Amino acid sequence: MSYLKKTLALFCLSASAAHADPTITNLQGSAQAILDQLAASQDLTVGAVYSAGQGDILAPGVMQDAAITEQMRLDYNSDIQGVIDATYYSAEILFQDQHEAAMANLDTAVDNLVAATAVLMEVQVIANMAANADTVQEQLAFQAVLTNNDMTISTADVSNYNTALGAVQTYARDAGAFLAASRNASMTGTVDSYAANSGASLYGATVTYSATADILNVTADGAFGIGFQGFLGSNTVTLEEVYAAGYGS
């Protein structure tokens, strides 16, 4: 491969697209400044090789027009460190993501509860028939239906229903707790501070909540663990309030 082709291949570089966060755009800018110099050197090198082959003499400082300055180097390295030190995935986002995951699980739990409820709704048929069995003839007919058809409820039917109820309880509770935590500046600020001091990323951190103890625990990369007890109790809704919300929906 000729020197010229090697030179062209060496400088086939492109910058990444800019992002919204200032630390990213700063790095993109300082990287682009260096890339501009590399692109300039490509053009100048092609021209220099051509000129040399023609017997032309480069004026002093021609190639230095594409030089990378010390300030460019410092800016680029500083911006890299800025990205390294930045917090892109905050505690607020972590809690919001946990809320969304719990809501997705809640949707599945509700579907399971609907399916389990449908199985048990034959009880409604029996209740209606019983309510209309006033005469001896109607009572005998009702008796015949129950005799000839298995209308009993199995242990599995009840277990599936109660399990689905428990899942709705769990995921609704967790979803509410995680959303409430994302709105609590004291909680998010503390978690962000722990993450910054330990150098740990919150991305992939584990978050759990116990309504019984009213404690929300956060564990990140094994670097730290922190619990918040008594922070979310005021967000608890009672049985009556949940019934009222259900009636009003």
Protein backbone atom coordinates (compact mmCIF):
# COMPACT_ATOMS: atom_id res chain seq x y z
CA MET A 1 0.00 0.00 0.00
CA SER A 2 1.35 3.42 -0.95
CA TYR A 3 2.13 6.10 1.62
CA LEU A 4 -0.76 8.18 0.26
CA LYS A 5 -3.28 5.33 0.63
CA LYS A 6 -2.02 4.59 4.14
CA THR A 7 -2.47 8.24 5.00
CA LEU A 8 -6.02 8.31 3.65
CA ALA A 9 -6.94 5.13 5.55
CA LEU A 10 -5.47 6.48 8.78
CA PHE A 11 -7.73 9.51 8.79
CA CYS A 12 -11.07 7.91 7.90
CA LEU A 13 -12.54 8.96 11.24
CA SER A 14 -15.86 10.48 12.27
CA ALA A 15 -17.18 12.09 15.43
CA SER A 16 -20.09 10.79 17.44
CA ALA A 17 -23.44 12.56 17.37
CA ALA A 18 -23.97 15.17 20.07
CA HIS A 19 -26.07 14.42 23.15
CA ALA A 20 -28.18 16.69 25.29
CA ASP A 21 -26.14 16.52 28.50
CA PRO A 22 -23.54 19.33 28.69
CA THR A 23 -20.71 16.97 29.62
CA ILE A 24 -21.39 14.93 26.50
CA THR A 25 -21.67 17.94 24.22
CA ASN A 26 -18.47 19.38 25.70
CA LEU A 27 -16.59 16.18 24.94
CA GLN A 28 -18.10 16.00 21.48
CA GLY A 29 -16.91 19.55 20.86
CA SER A 30 -13.34 19.01 22.05
CA ALA A 31 -13.16 15.72 20.14
CA GLN A 32 -14.41 17.46 17.00
CA ALA A 33 -11.72 20.13 17.36
CA ILE A 34 -9.08 17.41 17.21
CA LEU A 35 -10.86 15.63 14.38
CA ASP A 36 -10.92 18.87 12.43
CA GLN A 37 -7.13 19.03 12.73
CA LEU A 38 -6.82 15.41 11.63
CA ALA A 39 -9.02 16.13 8.63
CA ALA A 40 -6.91 19.19 7.81
CA SER A 41 -3.75 17.10 8.02
CA GLN A 42 -5.30 14.63 5.59
CA ASP A 43 -5.86 17.34 3.00
CA LEU A 44 -2.46 18.89 3.64
CA THR A 45 -0.71 15.53 3.45
CA VAL A 46 -2.28 14.75 0.09
CA GLY A 47 -1.25 18.19 -1.10
CA ALA A 48 2.25 17.87 0.35
CA VAL A 49 2.85 14.50 -1.30
CA TYR A 50 1.60 15.86 -4.60
CA SER A 51 3.72 19.01 -4.29
CA ALA A 52 6.82 17.00 -3.46
CA GLY A 53 6.27 14.91 -6.56
CA GLN A 54 6.04 18.05 -8.66
CA GLY A 55 9.21 19.58 -7.31
CA ASP A 56 7.35 22.21 -5.31
CA ILE A 57 8.61 23.38 -1.92
CA LEU A 58 6.26 23.73 1.03
CA ALA A 59 6.27 27.14 2.69
CA PRO A 60 7.34 27.15 6.36
CA GLY A 61 4.57 26.09 8.79
CA VAL A 62 2.22 24.61 6.19
CA MET A 63 1.78 21.23 7.91
CA GLN A 64 1.74 22.88 11.33
CA ASP A 65 -1.62 24.39 10.40
CA ALA A 66 -3.04 20.96 11.26
CA ALA A 67 -1.14 20.69 14.56
CA ILE A 68 -2.97 19.65 17.73
CA THR A 69 -2.29 22.22 20.42
CA GLU A 70 -1.66 21.55 24.08
CA GLN A 71 -4.90 23.34 24.89
CA MET A 72 -6.80 20.98 22.60
CA ARG A 73 -5.26 18.03 24.43
CA LEU A 74 -6.08 19.48 27.83
CA ASP A 75 -9.65 20.32 26.84
CA TYR A 76 -10.23 16.84 25.44
CA ASN A 77 -8.81 15.04 28.47
CA SER A 78 -10.69 17.33 30.83
CA ASP A 79 -13.94 16.65 29.02
CA ILE A 80 -13.30 12.90 29.19
CA GLN A 81 -12.90 13.21 32.95
CA GLY A 82 -16.06 15.29 33.05
CA VAL A 83 -17.99 12.43 31.47
CA ILE A 84 -16.38 9.92 33.84
CA ASP A 85 -17.34 12.03 36.86
CA ALA A 86 -20.85 12.88 35.65
CA THR A 87 -24.02 11.31 37.06
CA TYR A 88 -26.32 10.37 34.22
CA TYR A 89 -28.37 7.77 36.06
CA SER A 90 -29.62 9.44 39.21
CA ALA A 91 -31.57 8.06 42.15
CA GLU A 92 -34.69 9.78 40.84
CA ILE A 93 -34.39 7.91 37.54
CA LEU A 94 -33.59 4.67 39.40
CA PHE A 95 -36.75 4.93 41.49
CA GLN A 96 -38.83 5.88 38.45
CA ASP A 97 -37.54 2.85 36.57
CA GLN A 98 -38.36 0.65 39.54
CA HIS A 99 -41.84 2.15 39.58
CA GLU A 100 -42.35 1.36 35.89
CA ALA A 101 -41.10 -2.21 36.37
CA ALA A 102 -43.48 -2.71 39.29
CA MET A 103 -46.34 -1.27 37.22
CA ALA A 104 -45.59 -3.78 34.45
CA ASN A 105 -45.68 -6.59 37.01
CA LEU A 106 -48.89 -5.11 38.39
CA ASP A 107 -50.50 -5.30 34.94
CA THR A 108 -49.66 -9.01 34.79
CA ALA A 109 -50.96 -9.55 38.32
CA VAL A 110 -54.24 -7.83 37.43
CA ASP A 111 -54.59 -10.05 34.34
CA ASN A 112 -54.07 -13.11 36.51
CA LEU A 113 -56.62 -11.84 39.01
CA VAL A 114 -59.18 -11.27 36.25
CA ALA A 115 -58.62 -14.83 35.00
CA ALA A 116 -58.91 -16.29 38.50
CA THR A 117 -62.04 -14.22 39.15
CA ALA A 118 -63.65 -15.46 35.94
CA VAL A 119 -63.29 -19.05 37.14
CA LEU A 120 -65.02 -18.20 40.40
CA MET A 121 -67.80 -16.19 38.78
CA GLU A 122 -69.87 -19.38 38.46
CA VAL A 123 -70.73 -18.59 42.05
CA GLN A 124 -72.78 -15.70 40.63
CA VAL A 125 -74.82 -18.17 38.57
CA ILE A 126 -75.50 -20.25 41.66
CA ALA A 127 -76.43 -17.14 43.66
CA ASN A 128 -78.88 -16.03 40.97
CA MET A 129 -80.49 -19.47 40.75
CA ALA A 130 -80.77 -19.65 44.53
CA ALA A 131 -82.41 -16.22 44.64
CA ASN A 132 -85.08 -17.37 42.18
CA ALA A 133 -85.77 -20.79 43.69
CA ASP A 134 -88.94 -19.78 45.52
CA THR A 135 -91.38 -22.57 44.69
CA VAL A 136 -90.99 -26.27 45.33
CA GLN A 137 -90.67 -26.87 41.59
CA GLU A 138 -87.93 -24.26 41.26
CA GLN A 139 -86.08 -25.67 44.26
CA LEU A 140 -86.26 -29.17 42.81
CA ALA A 141 -84.95 -27.87 39.49
CA PHE A 142 -82.15 -26.06 41.26
CA GLN A 143 -81.32 -29.21 43.18
CA ALA A 144 -81.18 -31.18 39.95
CA VAL A 145 -78.75 -28.71 38.41
CA LEU A 146 -76.40 -28.98 41.37
CA THR A 147 -76.75 -32.76 41.39
CA ASN A 148 -75.95 -33.19 37.72
CA ASN A 149 -73.22 -30.50 37.45
CA ASP A 150 -70.12 -30.05 39.54
CA MET A 151 -70.48 -26.45 40.70
CA THR A 152 -68.11 -26.73 43.65
CA ILE A 153 -64.98 -24.60 44.03
CA SER A 154 -61.63 -26.35 44.11
CA THR A 155 -58.74 -25.59 46.43
CA ALA A 156 -56.68 -24.64 43.36
CA ASP A 157 -59.32 -22.14 42.24
CA VAL A 158 -59.22 -20.35 45.58
CA SER A 159 -55.43 -20.55 45.75
CA ASN A 160 -55.03 -18.99 42.31
CA TYR A 161 -57.42 -16.19 43.25
CA ASN A 162 -55.75 -15.44 46.59
CA THR A 163 -52.29 -15.62 45.05
CA ALA A 164 -53.31 -13.12 42.39
CA LEU A 165 -54.77 -10.85 45.09
CA GLY A 166 -51.44 -10.98 46.93
CA ALA A 167 -49.51 -10.16 43.78
CA VAL A 168 -51.67 -7.09 43.14
CA GLN A 169 -51.08 -6.02 46.75
CA THR A 170 -47.31 -6.45 46.42
CA TYR A 171 -46.77 -4.78 43.08
CA ALA A 172 -49.22 -1.93 43.70
CA ARG A 173 -47.51 -1.26 47.03
CA ASP A 174 -44.03 -1.34 45.52
CA ALA A 175 -44.98 0.79 42.52
CA GLY A 176 -46.46 3.43 44.80
CA ALA A 177 -43.45 3.37 47.12
CA PHE A 178 -40.92 3.72 44.30
CA LEU A 179 -42.79 6.62 42.72
CA ALA A 180 -43.11 8.35 46.11
CA ALA A 181 -39.38 7.83 46.68
CA SER A 182 -38.54 9.38 43.30
CA ARG A 183 -40.39 12.51 44.43
CA ASN A 184 -38.62 12.69 47.80
CA ALA A 185 -35.67 15.04 47.40
CA SER A 186 -34.12 13.97 50.68
CA MET A 187 -34.05 10.32 49.64
CA THR A 188 -32.82 10.90 46.08
CA GLY A 189 -30.20 13.40 47.24
CA THR A 190 -28.82 11.01 49.84
CA VAL A 191 -28.59 8.11 47.41
CA ASP A 192 -26.92 10.31 44.78
CA SER A 193 -24.41 11.45 47.40
CA TYR A 194 -23.61 7.88 48.43
CA ALA A 195 -23.14 6.90 44.78
CA ALA A 196 -20.85 9.86 44.10
CA ASN A 197 -18.72 9.27 47.20
CA SER A 198 -18.33 5.55 46.50
CA GLY A 199 -17.84 5.94 42.76
CA ALA A 200 -20.63 3.43 42.15
CA SER A 201 -23.16 3.58 39.36
CA LEU A 202 -26.82 3.39 40.29
CA TYR A 203 -27.61 1.69 37.00
CA GLY A 204 -28.64 -1.84 37.89
CA ALA A 205 -28.93 -1.04 41.60
CA THR A 206 -31.35 -3.10 43.69
CA VAL A 207 -34.29 -1.38 45.40
CA THR A 208 -36.67 -3.12 47.78
CA TYR A 209 -39.48 -1.88 50.01
CA SER A 210 -41.10 -3.31 53.11
CA ALA A 211 -44.45 -1.73 53.95
CA THR A 212 -44.53 -3.49 57.33
CA ALA A 213 -41.37 -1.76 58.49
CA ASP A 214 -41.77 1.20 56.11
CA ILE A 215 -38.19 0.83 54.94
CA LEU A 216 -36.79 1.25 51.44
CA ASN A 217 -33.37 -0.30 50.82
CA VAL A 218 -30.96 0.58 48.00
CA THR A 219 -27.89 -1.51 47.16
CA ALA A 220 -25.53 -0.47 44.35
CA ASP A 221 -22.78 -2.63 42.83
CA GLY A 222 -21.93 -3.99 46.25
CA ALA A 223 -20.31 -0.60 46.87
CA PHE A 224 -22.88 0.62 49.35
CA GLY A 225 -26.23 -0.14 50.85
CA ILE A 226 -28.57 2.32 52.48
CA GLY A 227 -32.00 2.08 54.07
CA PHE A 228 -34.67 4.73 54.56
CA GLN A 229 -37.08 3.93 57.35
CA GLY A 230 -40.13 6.01 58.13
CA PHE A 231 -39.80 8.19 55.02
CA LEU A 232 -42.86 6.93 53.13
CA GLY A 233 -45.39 6.21 55.86
CA SER A 234 -47.35 9.37 55.07
CA ASN A 235 -48.01 8.00 51.58
CA THR A 236 -49.83 4.93 52.93
CA VAL A 237 -53.50 4.66 51.98
CA THR A 238 -56.04 2.79 54.10
CA LEU A 239 -58.52 0.10 53.12
CA GLU A 240 -61.30 2.71 53.07
CA GLU A 241 -59.26 5.03 50.84
CA VAL A 242 -58.51 2.25 48.38
CA TYR A 243 -62.20 1.30 48.26
CA ALA A 244 -63.07 4.95 47.67
CA ALA A 245 -60.51 5.20 44.87
CA GLY A 246 -61.96 2.06 43.32
CA TYR A 247 -65.53 3.32 43.49
CA GLY A 248 -64.51 6.66 42.04
CA SER A 249 -62.61 5.21 39.07
